[in-house]
Amino acid sequence: MKNNLDVKRSLLIFNQIISHGERDDGRSVLNGMSAWYDFDGYTCYLAFNEVTLTLLFHGKYLIDSPSAESLAAFEKNYHNLISAGTDE
């Protein structure tokens, strides 16, 4: 699946959610997107609805999405968070 995501922006969104989101069951949530990390901090996760973006070490990432529609909704929220982050 083609996507419009990049690791640097994804990490900026991750930081924005961790810094400004509300804590809920070990995750931080902001505008419906949740962020969390594994025990060593090397793997970070962003999730919205059914889609999970896994940010791996060395600038790689994986996307788990059941459909193109779900991915499009994730990307829309992702880009809204980028826009909100640049307005602060």
N, C-alpha and C. Protein backbone atom coordinates (compact mmCIF):
# COMPACT_ATOMS: atom_id res chain seq x y z
N MET A 1 0.83 -1.18 0.00
CA MET A 1 0.00 0.00 0.00
C MET A 1 0.88 1.25 0.00
N LYS A 2 0.57 2.19 -0.84
CA LYS A 2 1.27 3.47 -0.87
C LYS A 2 0.77 4.31 0.30
N ASN A 3 1.69 5.06 0.91
CA ASN A 3 1.29 5.93 2.01
C ASN A 3 2.07 7.24 1.95
N ASN A 4 1.61 8.21 2.72
CA ASN A 4 2.22 9.54 2.77
C ASN A 4 2.81 9.82 4.15
N LEU A 5 3.54 8.88 4.69
CA LEU A 5 4.10 9.01 6.03
C LEU A 5 5.61 9.05 5.96
N ASP A 6 6.22 9.76 6.91
CA ASP A 6 7.67 9.68 7.02
C ASP A 6 8.04 9.59 8.50
N VAL A 7 9.19 9.02 8.77
CA VAL A 7 9.60 8.70 10.12
C VAL A 7 9.79 9.96 10.97
N LYS A 8 10.42 10.98 10.43
CA LYS A 8 10.67 12.20 11.21
C LYS A 8 9.36 12.83 11.67
N ARG A 9 8.42 12.99 10.77
CA ARG A 9 7.12 13.56 11.16
C ARG A 9 6.38 12.64 12.11
N SER A 10 6.50 11.36 11.91
CA SER A 10 5.84 10.40 12.79
C SER A 10 6.39 10.52 14.21
N LEU A 11 7.69 10.70 14.35
CA LEU A 11 8.29 10.88 15.67
C LEU A 11 7.87 12.21 16.29
N LEU A 12 7.70 13.24 15.49
CA LEU A 12 7.20 14.52 16.00
C LEU A 12 5.77 14.37 16.53
N ILE A 13 4.94 13.64 15.79
CA ILE A 13 3.57 13.38 16.25
C ILE A 13 3.60 12.55 17.52
N PHE A 14 4.44 11.53 17.54
CA PHE A 14 4.58 10.68 18.73
C PHE A 14 4.91 11.55 19.94
N ASN A 15 5.89 12.43 19.81
CA ASN A 15 6.29 13.31 20.92
C ASN A 15 5.15 14.26 21.32
N GLN A 16 4.44 14.77 20.34
CA GLN A 16 3.31 15.67 20.60
C GLN A 16 2.25 14.94 21.43
N ILE A 17 1.94 13.71 21.06
CA ILE A 17 0.92 12.94 21.78
C ILE A 17 1.40 12.59 23.19
N ILE A 18 2.64 12.15 23.32
CA ILE A 18 3.19 11.80 24.63
C ILE A 18 3.23 13.04 25.54
N SER A 19 3.58 14.19 24.97
CA SER A 19 3.72 15.42 25.76
C SER A 19 2.38 16.06 26.12
N HIS A 20 1.42 16.04 25.22
CA HIS A 20 0.18 16.79 25.41
C HIS A 20 -1.07 15.93 25.54
N GLY A 21 -0.95 14.64 25.29
CA GLY A 21 -2.12 13.77 25.35
C GLY A 21 -2.49 13.38 26.77
N GLU A 22 -3.66 12.79 26.89
CA GLU A 22 -4.13 12.28 28.17
C GLU A 22 -3.71 10.82 28.30
N ARG A 23 -3.27 10.45 29.49
CA ARG A 23 -2.84 9.08 29.75
C ARG A 23 -4.08 8.19 29.88
N ASP A 24 -4.03 7.04 29.23
CA ASP A 24 -5.13 6.08 29.30
C ASP A 24 -4.57 4.68 29.16
N ASP A 25 -4.54 3.95 30.25
CA ASP A 25 -4.12 2.55 30.27
C ASP A 25 -2.73 2.34 29.66
N GLY A 26 -1.76 3.16 30.08
CA GLY A 26 -0.38 3.02 29.62
C GLY A 26 -0.08 3.68 28.29
N ARG A 27 -1.06 4.33 27.71
CA ARG A 27 -0.88 5.03 26.43
C ARG A 27 -1.25 6.49 26.61
N SER A 28 -0.76 7.32 25.72
CA SER A 28 -1.18 8.72 25.67
C SER A 28 -2.09 8.87 24.46
N VAL A 29 -3.17 9.64 24.62
CA VAL A 29 -4.15 9.81 23.55
C VAL A 29 -4.38 11.30 23.30
N LEU A 30 -4.32 11.68 22.03
CA LEU A 30 -4.56 13.06 21.62
C LEU A 30 -5.32 13.03 20.30
N ASN A 31 -6.47 13.69 20.26
CA ASN A 31 -7.31 13.74 19.05
C ASN A 31 -7.60 12.35 18.49
N GLY A 32 -7.80 11.39 19.37
CA GLY A 32 -8.17 10.04 18.94
C GLY A 32 -6.99 9.15 18.58
N MET A 33 -5.81 9.70 18.46
CA MET A 33 -4.63 8.89 18.13
C MET A 33 -3.88 8.58 19.42
N SER A 34 -3.48 7.33 19.57
CA SER A 34 -2.75 6.94 20.77
C SER A 34 -1.29 6.66 20.43
N ALA A 35 -0.44 6.86 21.45
CA ALA A 35 1.00 6.65 21.30
C ALA A 35 1.51 5.92 22.52
N TRP A 36 2.45 4.99 22.31
CA TRP A 36 3.09 4.27 23.39
C TRP A 36 4.40 3.70 22.87
N TYR A 37 5.20 3.15 23.76
CA TYR A 37 6.49 2.60 23.37
C TYR A 37 6.74 1.33 24.17
N ASP A 38 7.67 0.51 23.66
CA ASP A 38 7.98 -0.73 24.35
C ASP A 38 8.91 -0.46 25.53
N PHE A 39 9.26 -1.49 26.25
CA PHE A 39 9.99 -1.34 27.51
C PHE A 39 11.34 -0.65 27.37
N ASP A 40 12.02 -0.78 26.24
CA ASP A 40 13.34 -0.15 26.09
C ASP A 40 13.29 1.18 25.34
N GLY A 41 12.14 1.56 24.82
CA GLY A 41 11.98 2.83 24.14
C GLY A 41 12.45 2.86 22.70
N TYR A 42 12.93 1.74 22.18
CA TYR A 42 13.42 1.71 20.80
C TYR A 42 12.32 1.53 19.77
N THR A 43 11.19 1.00 20.18
CA THR A 43 10.07 0.82 19.28
C THR A 43 8.91 1.65 19.79
N CYS A 44 8.40 2.53 18.91
CA CYS A 44 7.30 3.42 19.26
C CYS A 44 6.10 3.07 18.39
N TYR A 45 4.92 3.34 18.91
CA TYR A 45 3.69 2.99 18.21
C TYR A 45 2.75 4.18 18.16
N LEU A 46 2.06 4.32 17.03
CA LEU A 46 0.96 5.26 16.86
C LEU A 46 -0.22 4.45 16.37
N ALA A 47 -1.39 4.69 16.94
CA ALA A 47 -2.57 3.94 16.50
C ALA A 47 -3.78 4.85 16.42
N PHE A 48 -4.61 4.59 15.43
CA PHE A 48 -5.87 5.30 15.25
C PHE A 48 -6.85 4.31 14.65
N ASN A 49 -7.95 4.10 15.35
CA ASN A 49 -8.93 3.10 14.94
C ASN A 49 -8.27 1.74 14.73
N GLU A 50 -8.30 1.20 13.56
CA GLU A 50 -7.79 -0.14 13.31
C GLU A 50 -6.35 -0.16 12.79
N VAL A 51 -5.72 0.99 12.67
CA VAL A 51 -4.40 1.11 12.06
C VAL A 51 -3.34 1.32 13.14
N THR A 52 -2.24 0.59 13.03
CA THR A 52 -1.10 0.80 13.92
C THR A 52 0.15 1.04 13.08
N LEU A 53 0.83 2.12 13.40
CA LEU A 53 2.12 2.46 12.78
C LEU A 53 3.19 2.13 13.81
N THR A 54 4.11 1.23 13.46
CA THR A 54 5.20 0.85 14.34
C THR A 54 6.47 1.51 13.83
N LEU A 55 7.07 2.35 14.68
CA LEU A 55 8.31 3.05 14.33
C LEU A 55 9.47 2.25 14.91
N LEU A 56 10.30 1.75 14.02
CA LEU A 56 11.39 0.87 14.41
C LEU A 56 12.72 1.62 14.45
N PHE A 57 13.70 0.98 15.02
CA PHE A 57 15.05 1.52 15.10
C PHE A 57 15.61 1.71 13.69
N HIS A 58 16.50 2.65 13.48
CA HIS A 58 17.17 2.94 12.20
C HIS A 58 16.22 3.47 11.13
N GLY A 59 15.16 4.19 11.56
CA GLY A 59 14.31 4.89 10.61
C GLY A 59 13.39 4.03 9.77
N LYS A 60 13.12 2.84 10.21
CA LYS A 60 12.19 1.96 9.48
C LYS A 60 10.83 1.99 10.18
N TYR A 61 9.80 1.62 9.44
CA TYR A 61 8.47 1.54 10.05
C TYR A 61 7.62 0.49 9.37
N LEU A 62 6.60 0.06 10.08
CA LEU A 62 5.63 -0.91 9.58
C LEU A 62 4.23 -0.33 9.79
N ILE A 63 3.33 -0.61 8.85
CA ILE A 63 1.95 -0.18 8.99
C ILE A 63 1.07 -1.42 8.96
N ASP A 64 0.22 -1.54 9.98
CA ASP A 64 -0.75 -2.62 10.04
C ASP A 64 -2.13 -1.99 9.85
N SER A 65 -2.72 -2.25 8.68
CA SER A 65 -4.01 -1.67 8.35
C SER A 65 -4.88 -2.71 7.65
N PRO A 66 -6.13 -2.85 8.07
CA PRO A 66 -6.99 -3.84 7.43
C PRO A 66 -7.50 -3.43 6.04
N SER A 67 -7.46 -2.10 5.74
CA SER A 67 -8.00 -1.66 4.45
C SER A 67 -7.41 -0.30 4.07
N ALA A 68 -7.57 0.02 2.81
CA ALA A 68 -7.13 1.33 2.31
C ALA A 68 -7.93 2.45 2.96
N GLU A 69 -9.21 2.20 3.23
CA GLU A 69 -10.06 3.22 3.87
C GLU A 69 -9.57 3.52 5.29
N SER A 70 -9.22 2.49 6.03
CA SER A 70 -8.70 2.68 7.38
C SER A 70 -7.39 3.46 7.35
N LEU A 71 -6.53 3.12 6.41
CA LEU A 71 -5.26 3.83 6.27
C LEU A 71 -5.49 5.29 5.90
N ALA A 72 -6.45 5.56 5.04
CA ALA A 72 -6.77 6.95 4.65
C ALA A 72 -7.25 7.74 5.87
N ALA A 73 -8.07 7.14 6.74
CA ALA A 73 -8.54 7.82 7.95
C ALA A 73 -7.37 8.08 8.90
N PHE A 74 -6.46 7.13 9.02
CA PHE A 74 -5.26 7.30 9.84
C PHE A 74 -4.43 8.46 9.30
N GLU A 75 -4.18 8.47 8.00
CA GLU A 75 -3.38 9.53 7.39
C GLU A 75 -4.01 10.90 7.56
N LYS A 76 -5.33 10.97 7.48
CA LYS A 76 -6.03 12.25 7.67
C LYS A 76 -5.78 12.76 9.09
N ASN A 77 -5.95 11.91 10.09
CA ASN A 77 -5.71 12.30 11.48
C ASN A 77 -4.23 12.64 11.68
N TYR A 78 -3.35 11.88 11.10
CA TYR A 78 -1.90 12.09 11.15
C TYR A 78 -1.56 13.49 10.64
N HIS A 79 -2.08 13.86 9.49
CA HIS A 79 -1.80 15.17 8.91
C HIS A 79 -2.46 16.30 9.71
N ASN A 80 -3.62 16.04 10.31
CA ASN A 80 -4.25 17.04 11.19
C ASN A 80 -3.36 17.31 12.40
N LEU A 81 -2.75 16.26 12.96
CA LEU A 81 -1.86 16.44 14.10
C LEU A 81 -0.59 17.18 13.70
N ILE A 82 -0.09 16.95 12.49
CA ILE A 82 1.08 17.70 12.00
C ILE A 82 0.72 19.18 11.92
N SER A 83 -0.44 19.50 11.36
CA SER A 83 -0.88 20.89 11.24
C SER A 83 -1.07 21.52 12.61
N ALA A 84 -1.67 20.80 13.53
CA ALA A 84 -1.88 21.32 14.89
C ALA A 84 -0.55 21.56 15.59
N GLY A 85 0.42 20.72 15.36
CA GLY A 85 1.73 20.86 15.98
C GLY A 85 2.50 22.06 15.48
N THR A 86 2.27 22.46 14.25
CA THR A 86 3.00 23.60 13.70
C THR A 86 2.34 24.92 14.09
N ASP A 87 1.10 24.85 14.62
CA ASP A 87 0.40 26.05 15.03
C ASP A 87 0.73 26.49 16.45
N GLU A 88 1.41 25.64 17.22
CA GLU A 88 1.69 25.96 18.62
C GLU A 88 2.75 27.03 18.75
